Amino acid sequence: MVVVTLQREKCIGCNYCVEMAPEQFAMSKKDGKSVLLHSQNKKGFHTIKSHDEGIFEPCEQASKACPVKIISVKRT
């Protein structure tokens, strides 16, 4: 299982995550911050858990590209 977490409040709106993983991330038109699609919000941490191993690599690239390091990706 792949677990992806976004700490959205610290997002600076650079759009790198969307460029690296457009199926998992989008930019909010409301506040210009990143949105982790289909995620659950728990105390400011937006998380998805997926059995699709295909999302690991693009999300890992998004995590590495993020200048404020607010994306974490791990396998469980």
PDB file of N, CA and C in Angstrom:
ATOM      1  N   MET A   1       0.838  -1.182   0.000  1.00  0.00           N
ATOM      2  CA  MET A   1       0.000   0.000   0.000  1.00  0.00           C
ATOM      3  C   MET A   1       0.882   1.244   0.000  1.00  0.00           C
ATOM      4  N   VAL A   2       0.453   2.264  -0.717  1.00  0.00           N
ATOM      5  CA  VAL A   2       1.163   3.537  -0.790  1.00  0.00           C
ATOM      6  C   VAL A   2       0.386   4.562   0.041  1.00  0.00           C
ATOM      7  N   VAL A   3       1.102   5.274   0.912  1.00  0.00           N
ATOM      8  CA  VAL A   3       0.490   6.309   1.738  1.00  0.00           C
ATOM      9  C   VAL A   3       1.138   7.647   1.374  1.00  0.00           C
ATOM     10  N   VAL A   4       0.310   8.607   0.959  1.00  0.00           N
ATOM     11  CA  VAL A   4       0.783   9.943   0.587  1.00  0.00           C
ATOM     12  C   VAL A   4       0.131  10.953   1.523  1.00  0.00           C
ATOM     13  N   THR A   5       0.952  11.838   2.089  1.00  0.00           N
ATOM     14  CA  THR A   5       0.449  12.852   3.014  1.00  0.00           C
ATOM     15  C   THR A   5       0.914  14.236   2.575  1.00  0.00           C
ATOM     16  N   LEU A   6       0.004  15.194   2.635  1.00  0.00           N
ATOM     17  CA  LEU A   6       0.279  16.590   2.297  1.00  0.00           C
ATOM     18  C   LEU A   6      -0.078  17.460   3.492  1.00  0.00           C
ATOM     19  N   GLN A   7       0.868  18.288   3.923  1.00  0.00           N
ATOM     20  CA  GLN A   7       0.617  19.252   5.000  1.00  0.00           C
ATOM     21  C   GLN A   7       0.224  20.569   4.312  1.00  0.00           C
ATOM     22  N   ARG A   8      -1.041  20.667   3.953  1.00  0.00           N
ATOM     23  CA  ARG A   8      -1.529  21.703   3.045  1.00  0.00           C
ATOM     24  C   ARG A   8      -1.335  23.140   3.537  1.00  0.00           C
ATOM     25  N   GLU A   9      -1.464  23.376   4.830  1.00  0.00           N
ATOM     26  CA  GLU A   9      -1.390  24.743   5.346  1.00  0.00           C
ATOM     27  C   GLU A   9      -0.034  25.396   5.058  1.00  0.00           C
ATOM     28  N   LYS A  10       1.016  24.594   4.919  1.00  0.00           N
ATOM     29  CA  LYS A  10       2.361  25.132   4.675  1.00  0.00           C
ATOM     30  C   LYS A  10       2.684  25.277   3.191  1.00  0.00           C
ATOM     31  N   CYS A  11       1.736  24.940   2.321  1.00  0.00           N
ATOM     32  CA  CYS A  11       1.949  25.014   0.873  1.00  0.00           C
ATOM     33  C   CYS A  11       2.175  26.465   0.440  1.00  0.00           C
ATOM     34  N   ILE A  12       3.156  26.647  -0.468  1.00  0.00           N
ATOM     35  CA  ILE A  12       3.435  27.990  -1.002  1.00  0.00           C
ATOM     36  C   ILE A  12       2.914  28.164  -2.432  1.00  0.00           C
ATOM     37  N   GLY A  13       2.265  27.127  -2.970  1.00  0.00           N
ATOM     38  CA  GLY A  13       1.634  27.233  -4.290  1.00  0.00           C
ATOM     39  C   GLY A  13       2.582  27.216  -5.468  1.00  0.00           C
ATOM     40  N   CYS A  14       3.694  26.503  -5.368  1.00  0.00           N
ATOM     41  CA  CYS A  14       4.687  26.492  -6.449  1.00  0.00           C
ATOM     42  C   CYS A  14       4.268  25.645  -7.651  1.00  0.00           C
ATOM     43  N   ASN A  15       3.338  24.687  -7.466  1.00  0.00           N
ATOM     44  CA  ASN A  15       2.779  23.856  -8.532  1.00  0.00           C
ATOM     45  C   ASN A  15       3.664  22.675  -8.944  1.00  0.00           C
ATOM     46  N   TYR A  16       4.800  22.453  -8.320  1.00  0.00           N
ATOM     47  CA  TYR A  16       5.681  21.348  -8.704  1.00  0.00           C
ATOM     48  C   TYR A  16       5.002  19.995  -8.530  1.00  0.00           C
ATOM     49  N   CYS A  17       4.227  19.839  -7.463  1.00  0.00           N
ATOM     50  CA  CYS A  17       3.564  18.558  -7.213  1.00  0.00           C
ATOM     51  C   CYS A  17       2.592  18.220  -8.335  1.00  0.00           C
ATOM     52  N   VAL A  18       1.896  19.218  -8.845  1.00  0.00           N
ATOM     53  CA  VAL A  18       0.945  18.999  -9.933  1.00  0.00           C
ATOM     54  C   VAL A  18       1.685  18.610 -11.210  1.00  0.00           C
ATOM     55  N   GLU A  19       2.835  19.224 -11.443  1.00  0.00           N
ATOM     56  CA  GLU A  19       3.631  18.893 -12.625  1.00  0.00           C
ATOM     57  C   GLU A  19       4.159  17.465 -12.551  1.00  0.00           C
ATOM     58  N   MET A  20       4.543  17.017 -11.374  1.00  0.00           N
ATOM     59  CA  MET A  20       5.128  15.681 -11.203  1.00  0.00           C
ATOM     60  C   MET A  20       4.066  14.577 -11.108  1.00  0.00           C
ATOM     61  N   ALA A  21       2.941  14.865 -10.459  1.00  0.00           N
ATOM     62  CA  ALA A  21       1.902  13.847 -10.239  1.00  0.00           C
ATOM     63  C   ALA A  21       0.509  14.442 -10.447  1.00  0.00           C
ATOM     64  N   PRO A  22       0.157  14.750 -11.695  1.00  0.00           N
ATOM     65  CA  PRO A  22      -1.136  15.418 -11.945  1.00  0.00           C
ATOM     66  C   PRO A  22      -2.362  14.573 -11.608  1.00  0.00           C
ATOM     67  N   GLU A  23      -2.213  13.252 -11.498  1.00  0.00           N
ATOM     68  CA  GLU A  23      -3.360  12.415 -11.130  1.00  0.00           C
ATOM     69  C   GLU A  23      -3.661  12.484  -9.635  1.00  0.00           C
ATOM     70  N   GLN A  24      -2.661  12.900  -8.830  1.00  0.00           N
ATOM     71  CA  GLN A  24      -2.858  12.942  -7.388  1.00  0.00           C
ATOM     72  C   GLN A  24      -2.988  14.357  -6.832  1.00  0.00           C
ATOM     73  N   PHE A  25      -2.447  15.350  -7.537  1.00  0.00           N
ATOM     74  CA  PHE A  25      -2.445  16.720  -7.026  1.00  0.00           C
ATOM     75  C   PHE A  25      -3.109  17.688  -8.001  1.00  0.00           C
ATOM     76  N   ALA A  26      -3.710  18.743  -7.444  1.00  0.00           N
ATOM     77  CA  ALA A  26      -4.283  19.833  -8.224  1.00  0.00           C
ATOM     78  C   ALA A  26      -4.078  21.114  -7.423  1.00  0.00           C
ATOM     79  N   MET A  27      -4.193  22.242  -8.094  1.00  0.00           N
ATOM     80  CA  MET A  27      -4.070  23.528  -7.402  1.00  0.00           C
ATOM     81  C   MET A  27      -5.469  24.079  -7.166  1.00  0.00           C
ATOM     82  N   SER A  28      -5.704  24.567  -5.960  1.00  0.00           N
ATOM     83  CA  SER A  28      -6.996  25.132  -5.608  1.00  0.00           C
ATOM     84  C   SER A  28      -7.160  26.506  -6.243  1.00  0.00           C
ATOM     85  N   LYS A  29      -8.282  26.713  -6.902  1.00  0.00           N
ATOM     86  CA  LYS A  29      -8.575  28.036  -7.459  1.00  0.00           C
ATOM     87  C   LYS A  29      -8.931  29.021  -6.347  1.00  0.00           C
ATOM     88  N   LYS A  30      -9.363  28.494  -5.219  1.00  0.00           N
ATOM     89  CA  LYS A  30      -9.792  29.327  -4.099  1.00  0.00           C
ATOM     90  C   LYS A  30      -8.622  30.019  -3.399  1.00  0.00           C
ATOM     91  N   ASP A  31      -7.562  29.242  -3.053  1.00  0.00           N
ATOM     92  CA  ASP A  31      -6.455  29.847  -2.302  1.00  0.00           C
ATOM     93  C   ASP A  31      -5.073  29.635  -2.930  1.00  0.00           C
ATOM     94  N   GLY A  32      -5.011  28.971  -4.103  1.00  0.00           N
ATOM     95  CA  GLY A  32      -3.742  28.805  -4.795  1.00  0.00           C
ATOM     96  C   GLY A  32      -2.812  27.771  -4.188  1.00  0.00           C
ATOM     97  N   LYS A  33      -3.327  26.952  -3.274  1.00  0.00           N
ATOM     98  CA  LYS A  33      -2.505  25.924  -2.643  1.00  0.00           C
ATOM     99  C   LYS A  33      -2.815  24.556  -3.248  1.00  0.00           C
ATOM    100  N   SER A  34      -1.890  23.636  -3.032  1.00  0.00           N
ATOM    101  CA  SER A  34      -2.030  22.289  -3.545  1.00  0.00           C
ATOM    102  C   SER A  34      -3.150  21.530  -2.836  1.00  0.00           C
ATOM    103  N   VAL A  35      -3.804  20.645  -3.597  1.00  0.00           N
ATOM    104  CA  VAL A  35      -4.842  19.781  -3.056  1.00  0.00           C
ATOM    105  C   VAL A  35      -4.453  18.343  -3.394  1.00  0.00           C
ATOM    106  N   LEU A  36      -4.422  17.470  -2.398  1.00  0.00           N
ATOM    107  CA  LEU A  36      -4.201  16.046  -2.620  1.00  0.00           C
ATOM    108  C   LEU A  36      -5.570  15.438  -2.901  1.00  0.00           C
ATOM    109  N   LEU A  37      -5.777  15.031  -4.130  1.00  0.00           N
ATOM    110  CA  LEU A  37      -7.095  14.576  -4.569  1.00  0.00           C
ATOM    111  C   LEU A  37      -7.548  13.313  -3.839  1.00  0.00           C
ATOM    112  N   HIS A  38      -8.812  13.258  -3.479  1.00  0.00           N
ATOM    113  CA  HIS A  38      -9.458  12.123  -2.804  1.00  0.00           C
ATOM    114  C   HIS A  38      -8.847  11.829  -1.433  1.00  0.00           C
ATOM    115  N   SER A  39      -8.317  12.847  -0.776  1.00  0.00           N
ATOM    116  CA  SER A  39      -7.657  12.626   0.515  1.00  0.00           C
ATOM    117  C   SER A  39      -8.595  12.871   1.685  1.00  0.00           C
ATOM    118  N   GLN A  40      -8.198  12.335   2.831  1.00  0.00           N
ATOM    119  CA  GLN A  40      -8.884  12.561   4.093  1.00  0.00           C
ATOM    120  C   GLN A  40      -8.066  13.583   4.884  1.00  0.00           C
ATOM    121  N   ASN A  41      -8.724  14.591   5.452  1.00  0.00           N
ATOM    122  CA  ASN A  41      -8.039  15.610   6.247  1.00  0.00           C
ATOM    123  C   ASN A  41      -8.141  15.258   7.725  1.00  0.00           C
ATOM    124  N   LYS A  42      -6.994  15.160   8.364  1.00  0.00           N
ATOM    125  CA  LYS A  42      -6.972  14.904   9.794  1.00  0.00           C
ATOM    126  C   LYS A  42      -5.952  15.849  10.424  1.00  0.00           C
ATOM    127  N   LYS A  43      -6.469  16.887  11.100  1.00  0.00           N
ATOM    128  CA  LYS A  43      -5.635  17.875  11.787  1.00  0.00           C
ATOM    129  C   LYS A  43      -4.608  18.527  10.858  1.00  0.00           C
ATOM    130  N   GLY A  44      -5.035  18.863   9.654  1.00  0.00           N
ATOM    131  CA  GLY A  44      -4.170  19.569   8.714  1.00  0.00           C
ATOM    132  C   GLY A  44      -3.307  18.677   7.841  1.00  0.00           C
ATOM    133  N   PHE A  45      -3.369  17.375   8.070  1.00  0.00           N
ATOM    134  CA  PHE A  45      -2.625  16.432   7.244  1.00  0.00           C
ATOM    135  C   PHE A  45      -3.615  15.717   6.316  1.00  0.00           C
ATOM    136  N   HIS A  46      -3.447  15.936   5.018  1.00  0.00           N
ATOM    137  CA  HIS A  46      -4.324  15.345   4.012  1.00  0.00           C
ATOM    138  C   HIS A  46      -3.654  14.069   3.517  1.00  0.00           C
ATOM    139  N   THR A  47      -4.349  12.943   3.648  1.00  0.00           N
ATOM    140  CA  THR A  47      -3.732  11.643   3.381  1.00  0.00           C
ATOM    141  C   THR A  47      -4.580  10.782   2.464  1.00  0.00           C
ATOM    142  N   ILE A  48      -3.889  10.080   1.561  1.00  0.00           N
ATOM    143  CA  ILE A  48      -4.536   9.029   0.778  1.00  0.00           C
ATOM    144  C   ILE A  48      -3.762   7.733   1.006  1.00  0.00           C
ATOM    145  N   LYS A  49      -4.507   6.644   1.019  1.00  0.00           N
ATOM    146  CA  LYS A  49      -3.920   5.304   1.093  1.00  0.00           C
ATOM    147  C   LYS A  49      -4.411   4.559  -0.138  1.00  0.00           C
ATOM    148  N   SER A  50      -3.470   4.054  -0.926  1.00  0.00           N
ATOM    149  CA  SER A  50      -3.835   3.417  -2.185  1.00  0.00           C
ATOM    150  C   SER A  50      -3.101   2.101  -2.373  1.00  0.00           C
ATOM    151  N   HIS A  51      -3.789   1.146  -2.967  1.00  0.00           N
ATOM    152  CA  HIS A  51      -3.161  -0.127  -3.328  1.00  0.00           C
ATOM    153  C   HIS A  51      -2.503  -0.032  -4.702  1.00  0.00           C
ATOM    154  N   ASP A  52      -2.659   1.102  -5.376  1.00  0.00           N
ATOM    155  CA  ASP A  52      -2.081   1.317  -6.706  1.00  0.00           C
ATOM    156  C   ASP A  52      -0.609   1.706  -6.574  1.00  0.00           C
ATOM    157  N   GLU A  53       0.289   0.749  -6.801  1.00  0.00           N
ATOM    158  CA  GLU A  53       1.730   1.005  -6.700  1.00  0.00           C
ATOM    159  C   GLU A  53       2.196   2.013  -7.756  1.00  0.00           C
ATOM    160  N   GLY A  54       1.411   2.199  -8.805  1.00  0.00           N
ATOM    161  CA  GLY A  54       1.773   3.118  -9.878  1.00  0.00           C
ATOM    162  C   GLY A  54       1.845   4.574  -9.445  1.00  0.00           C
ATOM    163  N   ILE A  55       1.231   4.909  -8.311  1.00  0.00           N
ATOM    164  CA  ILE A  55       1.281   6.311  -7.859  1.00  0.00           C
ATOM    165  C   ILE A  55       2.535   6.607  -7.050  1.00  0.00           C
ATOM    166  N   PHE A  56       3.264   5.560  -6.641  1.00  0.00           N
ATOM    167  CA  PHE A  56       4.423   5.789  -5.765  1.00  0.00           C
ATOM    168  C   PHE A  56       5.481   6.673  -6.426  1.00  0.00           C
ATOM    169  N   GLU A  57       5.895   6.315  -7.629  1.00  0.00           N
ATOM    170  CA  GLU A  57       6.987   7.045  -8.292  1.00  0.00           C
ATOM    171  C   GLU A  57       6.648   8.508  -8.555  1.00  0.00           C
ATOM    172  N   PRO A  58       5.486   8.827  -9.176  1.00  0.00           N
ATOM    173  CA  PRO A  58       5.183  10.246  -9.392  1.00  0.00           C
ATOM    174  C   PRO A  58       5.043  11.031  -8.085  1.00  0.00           C
ATOM    175  N   CYS A  59       4.457  10.413  -7.067  1.00  0.00           N
ATOM    176  CA  CYS A  59       4.311  11.109  -5.787  1.00  0.00           C
ATOM    177  C   CYS A  59       5.664  11.300  -5.101  1.00  0.00           C
ATOM    178  N   GLU A  60       6.551  10.327  -5.259  1.00  0.00           N
ATOM    179  CA  GLU A  60       7.912  10.446  -4.720  1.00  0.00           C
ATOM    180  C   GLU A  60       8.641  11.602  -5.402  1.00  0.00           C
ATOM    181  N   GLN A  61       8.476  11.732  -6.714  1.00  0.00           N
ATOM    182  CA  GLN A  61       9.082  12.848  -7.452  1.00  0.00           C
ATOM    183  C   GLN A  61       8.508  14.177  -6.976  1.00  0.00           C
ATOM    184  N   ALA A  62       7.207  14.220  -6.729  1.00  0.00           N
ATOM    185  CA  ALA A  62       6.569  15.437  -6.226  1.00  0.00           C
ATOM    186  C   ALA A  62       7.120  15.792  -4.852  1.00  0.00           C
ATOM    187  N   SER A  63       7.321  14.786  -4.017  1.00  0.00           N
ATOM    188  CA  SER A  63       7.868  14.999  -2.680  1.00  0.00           C
ATOM    189  C   SER A  63       9.271  15.600  -2.756  1.00  0.00           C
ATOM    190  N   LYS A  64      10.095  15.068  -3.650  1.00  0.00           N
ATOM    191  CA  LYS A  64      11.469  15.564  -3.794  1.00  0.00           C
ATOM    192  C   LYS A  64      11.508  16.962  -4.388  1.00  0.00           C
ATOM    193  N   ALA A  65      10.547  17.284  -5.266  1.00  0.00           N
ATOM    194  CA  ALA A  65      10.522  18.593  -5.923  1.00  0.00           C
ATOM    195  C   ALA A  65       9.972  19.699  -5.019  1.00  0.00           C
ATOM    196  N   CYS A  66       9.206  19.330  -3.999  1.00  0.00           N
ATOM    197  CA  CYS A  66       8.558  20.321  -3.133  1.00  0.00           C
ATOM    198  C   CYS A  66       9.597  21.144  -2.364  1.00  0.00           C
ATOM    199  N   PRO A  67       9.629  22.464  -2.571  1.00  0.00           N
ATOM    200  CA  PRO A  67      10.652  23.288  -1.903  1.00  0.00           C
ATOM    201  C   PRO A  67      10.436  23.445  -0.396  1.00  0.00           C
ATOM    202  N   VAL A  68       9.212  23.220   0.084  1.00  0.00           N
ATOM    203  CA  VAL A  68       8.949  23.348   1.518  1.00  0.00           C
ATOM    204  C   VAL A  68       8.795  21.996   2.224  1.00  0.00           C
ATOM    205  N   LYS A  69       9.010  20.911   1.472  1.00  0.00           N
ATOM    206  CA  LYS A  69       9.045  19.535   2.017  1.00  0.00           C
ATOM    207  C   LYS A  69       7.817  19.182   2.851  1.00  0.00           C
ATOM    208  N   ILE A  70       6.644  19.360   2.258  1.00  0.00           N
ATOM    209  CA  ILE A  70       5.401  19.092   2.991  1.00  0.00           C
ATOM    210  C   ILE A  70       4.666  17.864   2.463  1.00  0.00           C
ATOM    211  N   ILE A  71       5.328  17.106   1.570  1.00  0.00           N
ATOM    212  CA  ILE A  71       4.730  15.887   1.018  1.00  0.00           C
ATOM    213  C   ILE A  71       5.553  14.692   1.470  1.00  0.00           C
ATOM    214  N   SER A  72       4.886  13.698   2.032  1.00  0.00           N
ATOM    215  CA  SER A  72       5.595  12.467   2.371  1.00  0.00           C
ATOM    216  C   SER A  72       4.936  11.306   1.653  1.00  0.00           C
ATOM    217  N   VAL A  73       5.775  10.360   1.225  1.00  0.00           N
ATOM    218  CA  VAL A  73       5.316   9.195   0.486  1.00  0.00           C
ATOM    219  C   VAL A  73       6.000   7.977   1.085  1.00  0.00           C
ATOM    220  N   LYS A  74       5.218   6.944   1.396  1.00  0.00           N
ATOM    221  CA  LYS A  74       5.831   5.725   1.915  1.00  0.00           C
ATOM    222  C   LYS A  74       5.017   4.512   1.527  1.00  0.00           C
ATOM    223  N   ARG A  75       5.691   3.382   1.539  1.00  0.00           N
ATOM    224  CA  ARG A  75       5.032   2.093   1.300  1.00  0.00           C
ATOM    225  C   ARG A  75       4.828   1.422   2.640  1.00  0.00           C
ATOM    226  N   THR A  76       3.680   0.779   2.805  1.00  0.00           N
ATOM    227  CA  THR A  76       3.435   0.042   4.048  1.00  0.00           C
ATOM    228  C   THR A  76       3.175  -1.421   3.750  1.00  0.00           C
TER     229      THR A  76
END
